[in-house]
Amino acid sequence: MSETPTQKPAIQSLTLQSAAAIAIAVAAERLNVVLPEGAAQELARALIDLVVTLGLIGVAVGRARARTPIV
């Protein structure tokens, strides 16, 4: 069963991944760094995964703190 665009999580959006890959490629070019073919896409996926993971950790910490008394 295939997902429709509205059912697909935003994090799996090709638009988001493409925008991140373009930003990484532009930054690398400005820094005169030569990236191997496909490296910008891999870095973009890794960066998105990192941001999502850190966001989930932040939510978990916030919820844990909210359930304890404020000192």
N, C-alpha and C. Protein backbone atom coordinates (compact mmCIF):
# COMPACT_ATOMS: atom_id res chain seq x y z
N MET A 1 0.84 -1.17 0.00
CA MET A 1 0.00 0.00 0.00
C MET A 1 0.89 1.24 0.00
N SER A 2 0.70 2.13 -0.95
CA SER A 2 1.52 3.34 -1.02
C SER A 2 0.86 4.47 -0.25
N GLU A 3 1.72 5.33 0.28
CA GLU A 3 1.23 6.46 1.04
C GLU A 3 0.95 7.64 0.12
N THR A 4 -0.08 8.39 0.44
CA THR A 4 -0.33 9.62 -0.29
C THR A 4 0.57 10.70 0.30
N PRO A 5 0.78 11.79 -0.43
CA PRO A 5 1.65 12.85 0.11
C PRO A 5 1.20 13.38 1.46
N THR A 6 -0.10 13.39 1.74
CA THR A 6 -0.57 13.90 3.03
C THR A 6 -0.35 12.90 4.15
N GLN A 7 -0.13 11.63 3.84
CA GLN A 7 0.12 10.61 4.86
C GLN A 7 1.61 10.44 5.13
N LYS A 8 2.44 10.97 4.27
CA LYS A 8 3.88 10.81 4.40
C LYS A 8 4.41 11.77 5.46
N PRO A 9 5.21 11.28 6.41
CA PRO A 9 5.75 12.18 7.42
C PRO A 9 6.62 13.26 6.77
N ALA A 10 6.57 14.47 7.32
CA ALA A 10 7.30 15.60 6.75
C ALA A 10 8.80 15.32 6.71
N ILE A 11 9.30 14.55 7.65
CA ILE A 11 10.73 14.29 7.73
C ILE A 11 11.20 13.45 6.54
N GLN A 12 10.29 12.72 5.89
CA GLN A 12 10.65 11.92 4.73
C GLN A 12 10.43 12.69 3.43
N SER A 13 10.14 13.96 3.55
CA SER A 13 9.87 14.79 2.38
C SER A 13 11.12 14.95 1.53
N LEU A 14 10.99 14.68 0.26
CA LEU A 14 12.12 14.87 -0.64
C LEU A 14 12.46 16.34 -0.79
N THR A 15 11.47 17.21 -0.63
CA THR A 15 11.71 18.64 -0.71
C THR A 15 12.62 19.08 0.42
N LEU A 16 12.34 18.60 1.64
CA LEU A 16 13.16 18.94 2.80
C LEU A 16 14.58 18.40 2.63
N GLN A 17 14.69 17.15 2.21
CA GLN A 17 16.01 16.55 2.01
C GLN A 17 16.78 17.26 0.90
N SER A 18 16.09 17.61 -0.17
CA SER A 18 16.75 18.31 -1.28
C SER A 18 17.23 19.68 -0.85
N ALA A 19 16.41 20.40 -0.10
CA ALA A 19 16.81 21.73 0.37
C ALA A 19 18.03 21.63 1.28
N ALA A 20 18.05 20.65 2.16
CA ALA A 20 19.20 20.46 3.04
C ALA A 20 20.44 20.08 2.24
N ALA A 21 20.29 19.21 1.26
CA ALA A 21 21.42 18.80 0.43
C ALA A 21 21.98 19.97 -0.36
N ILE A 22 21.10 20.81 -0.89
CA ILE A 22 21.56 21.99 -1.64
C ILE A 22 22.31 22.93 -0.71
N ALA A 23 21.78 23.14 0.50
CA ALA A 23 22.45 24.03 1.46
C ALA A 23 23.83 23.50 1.82
N ILE A 24 23.94 22.21 2.01
CA ILE A 24 25.24 21.60 2.34
C ILE A 24 26.20 21.73 1.17
N ALA A 25 25.73 21.49 -0.04
CA ALA A 25 26.58 21.59 -1.22
C ALA A 25 27.06 23.03 -1.44
N VAL A 26 26.19 24.00 -1.22
CA VAL A 26 26.57 25.40 -1.38
C VAL A 26 27.59 25.79 -0.32
N ALA A 27 27.36 25.37 0.93
CA ALA A 27 28.30 25.68 2.00
C ALA A 27 29.66 25.06 1.72
N ALA A 28 29.67 23.82 1.26
CA ALA A 28 30.93 23.14 0.94
C ALA A 28 31.66 23.86 -0.19
N GLU A 29 30.91 24.30 -1.19
CA GLU A 29 31.53 25.01 -2.32
C GLU A 29 32.15 26.33 -1.86
N ARG A 30 31.45 27.05 -0.99
CA ARG A 30 31.98 28.33 -0.49
C ARG A 30 33.23 28.12 0.36
N LEU A 31 33.31 26.97 1.02
CA LEU A 31 34.49 26.65 1.84
C LEU A 31 35.57 25.95 1.03
N ASN A 32 35.35 25.84 -0.27
CA ASN A 32 36.29 25.15 -1.18
C ASN A 32 36.53 23.71 -0.77
N VAL A 33 35.47 23.04 -0.33
CA VAL A 33 35.55 21.62 0.03
C VAL A 33 34.90 20.84 -1.10
N VAL A 34 35.60 19.83 -1.61
CA VAL A 34 35.06 19.00 -2.68
C VAL A 34 34.41 17.77 -2.05
N LEU A 35 33.11 17.66 -2.23
CA LEU A 35 32.37 16.51 -1.69
C LEU A 35 32.26 15.43 -2.77
N PRO A 36 32.41 14.17 -2.38
CA PRO A 36 32.18 13.09 -3.34
C PRO A 36 30.70 13.08 -3.78
N GLU A 37 30.46 12.47 -4.90
CA GLU A 37 29.09 12.41 -5.42
C GLU A 37 28.18 11.70 -4.40
N GLY A 38 27.06 12.31 -4.11
CA GLY A 38 26.09 11.74 -3.17
C GLY A 38 26.36 12.08 -1.71
N ALA A 39 27.49 12.71 -1.43
CA ALA A 39 27.83 13.02 -0.03
C ALA A 39 26.89 14.06 0.56
N ALA A 40 26.49 15.05 -0.24
CA ALA A 40 25.60 16.09 0.26
C ALA A 40 24.25 15.49 0.67
N GLN A 41 23.76 14.52 -0.11
CA GLN A 41 22.48 13.88 0.23
C GLN A 41 22.61 13.07 1.52
N GLU A 42 23.70 12.35 1.66
CA GLU A 42 23.91 11.55 2.87
C GLU A 42 24.05 12.45 4.09
N LEU A 43 24.80 13.54 3.95
CA LEU A 43 24.95 14.48 5.04
C LEU A 43 23.61 15.12 5.40
N ALA A 44 22.80 15.41 4.39
CA ALA A 44 21.49 16.01 4.64
C ALA A 44 20.61 15.05 5.44
N ARG A 45 20.60 13.78 5.05
CA ARG A 45 19.81 12.79 5.80
C ARG A 45 20.30 12.67 7.24
N ALA A 46 21.62 12.64 7.41
CA ALA A 46 22.19 12.53 8.75
C ALA A 46 21.85 13.76 9.59
N LEU A 47 21.90 14.93 8.99
CA LEU A 47 21.59 16.16 9.71
C LEU A 47 20.12 16.19 10.13
N ILE A 48 19.24 15.78 9.23
CA ILE A 48 17.81 15.74 9.55
C ILE A 48 17.56 14.74 10.68
N ASP A 49 18.19 13.57 10.61
CA ASP A 49 18.04 12.57 11.68
C ASP A 49 18.54 13.12 13.01
N LEU A 50 19.66 13.85 12.99
CA LEU A 50 20.21 14.44 14.21
C LEU A 50 19.25 15.46 14.81
N VAL A 51 18.71 16.33 13.97
CA VAL A 51 17.78 17.35 14.46
C VAL A 51 16.54 16.70 15.06
N VAL A 52 16.00 15.69 14.40
CA VAL A 52 14.82 15.00 14.91
C VAL A 52 15.13 14.32 16.24
N THR A 53 16.27 13.64 16.33
CA THR A 53 16.65 12.95 17.56
C THR A 53 16.82 13.95 18.70
N LEU A 54 17.51 15.04 18.45
CA LEU A 54 17.69 16.05 19.50
C LEU A 54 16.36 16.67 19.90
N GLY A 55 15.47 16.84 18.96
CA GLY A 55 14.14 17.36 19.28
C GLY A 55 13.36 16.40 20.17
N LEU A 56 13.44 15.12 19.85
CA LEU A 56 12.75 14.13 20.68
C LEU A 56 13.34 14.06 22.08
N ILE A 57 14.66 14.19 22.18
CA ILE A 57 15.30 14.20 23.50
C ILE A 57 14.84 15.43 24.28
N GLY A 58 14.77 16.57 23.60
CA GLY A 58 14.30 17.79 24.26
C GLY A 58 12.87 17.65 24.76
N VAL A 59 12.02 17.04 23.97
CA VAL A 59 10.63 16.82 24.39
C VAL A 59 10.59 15.89 25.60
N ALA A 60 11.38 14.82 25.57
CA ALA A 60 11.40 13.88 26.69
C ALA A 60 11.87 14.55 27.97
N VAL A 61 12.92 15.35 27.87
CA VAL A 61 13.44 16.05 29.04
C VAL A 61 12.40 17.05 29.56
N GLY A 62 11.78 17.79 28.66
CA GLY A 62 10.76 18.75 29.06
C GLY A 62 9.59 18.09 29.74
N ARG A 63 9.16 16.95 29.23
CA ARG A 63 8.03 16.24 29.86
C ARG A 63 8.42 15.69 31.22
N ALA A 64 9.65 15.20 31.34
CA ALA A 64 10.10 14.67 32.62
C ALA A 64 10.19 15.79 33.67
N ARG A 65 10.66 16.94 33.26
CA ARG A 65 10.75 18.06 34.19
C ARG A 65 9.40 18.59 34.56
N ALA A 66 8.45 18.54 33.67
CA ALA A 66 7.10 19.06 33.93
C ALA A 66 6.35 18.20 34.93
N ARG A 67 6.72 16.94 35.06
CA ARG A 67 6.04 16.04 35.97
C ARG A 67 6.61 16.06 37.39
N THR A 68 7.72 16.74 37.57
CA THR A 68 8.32 16.83 38.90
C THR A 68 8.06 18.21 39.46
N PRO A 69 8.12 18.35 40.78
CA PRO A 69 7.89 19.66 41.37
C PRO A 69 8.97 20.66 40.96
N ILE A 70 8.57 21.89 40.72
CA ILE A 70 9.53 22.92 40.37
C ILE A 70 10.18 23.40 41.67
N VAL A 71 11.49 23.38 41.70
CA VAL A 71 12.22 23.72 42.92
C VAL A 71 12.76 25.12 42.82
